[in-house]
Amino acid sequence: MPPPLPSSSFTTGADLYSENSTLTLIPGLPDDLAALILAFLPYSHHGRLKSICKSWKQFFSSRIVFSTRHKHIPFIKRSHLLCIFPQDPSISSPYLFDPQNLAWCYLPPMPCNPHVYGLCNFTSVSHDSHLYVLGGSLFDTRSFPLDRPSPSSAAFRYDLVTQTWDSLPPMLSPRGSFACAAIPNTDRILVAGGGSRHTMFGAAGSRMSSVEMYDIGRNEWVAMDGLPRFRAGCVGFMVGKEFWVMGGYGESRTILGVFPVDEYYRDAVVMQLKNGGVGKWKELGDMWEEGERRQLGRIAIVEDTNGTSPGIFMLDKNDIFRYDIISNRWWKETSVPKKANDDSSMGFTALNNELHVMAFYNGHDSRLRRHKRSLSLFLQIYHPGNKTWRTLITKPPFQQHLDFKTAVMCTIRL
């Protein structure tokens, strides 16, 4: 947790900003007032602001800025940012996107292991001012055969204050394509299911049912009751004090005895988290009928802001569905205004209580014509409360098309 905000003037802690006590954050203003003003500036601009002067660089590199924001800005009002991992984070920089300011900033690559490469199907989750990168599937030069992926148990944490990566104790079981969620108001992260699936090998790889929890304070992983059955490629999220695991696949079959095909699940399982412990898994049954859809689509969770349950939404082709907990069914909410030819190329996430559908287009649309010479990301944004759509266009810092089928995304409030 960030240290508490000092009650005395910021000039008494001048060593945080400058070796020269005569330097101030904003000339003519007390440092405590100047620090309060600067702390309200969006995180996406901090990188550029550090170049203004030495005192600003040290201020925006300290935890004071985050403790000030936490004290004066309610959680739901803080900047809600999207973190995108386009490829293997050890060789390609992740990026933060601020939709309110249409600003991008890059994060340094994760520490590189010379023996492994091609990391994918990992999970990223945020907690406090940190991003966690857990597990995944990769190729290991020390294993045989070399052309088959292996699950990873590695865990890394990125500190957005110090802008540094730390290596954490590995998970008890290596896994990729698994469910993961941070438990609100605690220092715990849950992971469930997964296997060794790699994007290059379809139905190849293992499946697992094991579940474990990372205790941030103790810096250790603890085994928990496993899922009722093997489940990989699933999604996990919190609803109040319940950990939900939806969709995924288990057993596979072959077509003509040659081509492997995954058998996708239509159900969900829920674990009740109690004070000081956890409960048993509860199976909810199928969420749709046979033939209605082949598998669970992309899931986005709109945070609870009015004391009600969070909104659970799914992007299925060009339609958005809302999940009804009582009936255990998906009901159509709306359709994406501008359809994509390939729905698998669309990203889907929730930011600032709105649903964001992301895609790259070829520039034939009049709204995109002025951006056709550069790579632009087109966002269609839906507000579930108002049931209205709006659009945004932004130019991302990376120069290649983002493959939303393999890119990993998570959100963080700062």
Foldseek 3Di string as FASTA:
>chain_A
DQDAADPDFCLVVQVLFDPDSVDELDPPDGNNVSLLVVLPDALLCLVVQLVPDRRSVSSQLGCNSVNSCPVPPPQLRFFKWKWWDLWQQQVDWIKIAGVVVLGIDTAHGAPDDPFKDGFFQWAWEDDRQKIKTAKGWIAGNVDPPRPAIAIFQWMKMAGSNNSDIDTADGEPDGFGQWAKEDDPPFQKIKIFKGWRDDPVPAPDTAIDFWMWMARRVVRDIGTDDTDPATFGNWYWYDWNQKIKIDKGFHDWDADVRPRIDTQIAQWMWIKGADVPGTHDIDTDDGQDDPPPDRTFADWEWQDDDPPDTIWIWGCDQQWIWTADPVVSYTDTQGGQPDHDPDSQQWDWYDTSQKIKIKHWDCCPDPVRVVVNVATKIKIWIAHSVVRDIDIDIHGDPDRDRRRNNTMYMDMDGD
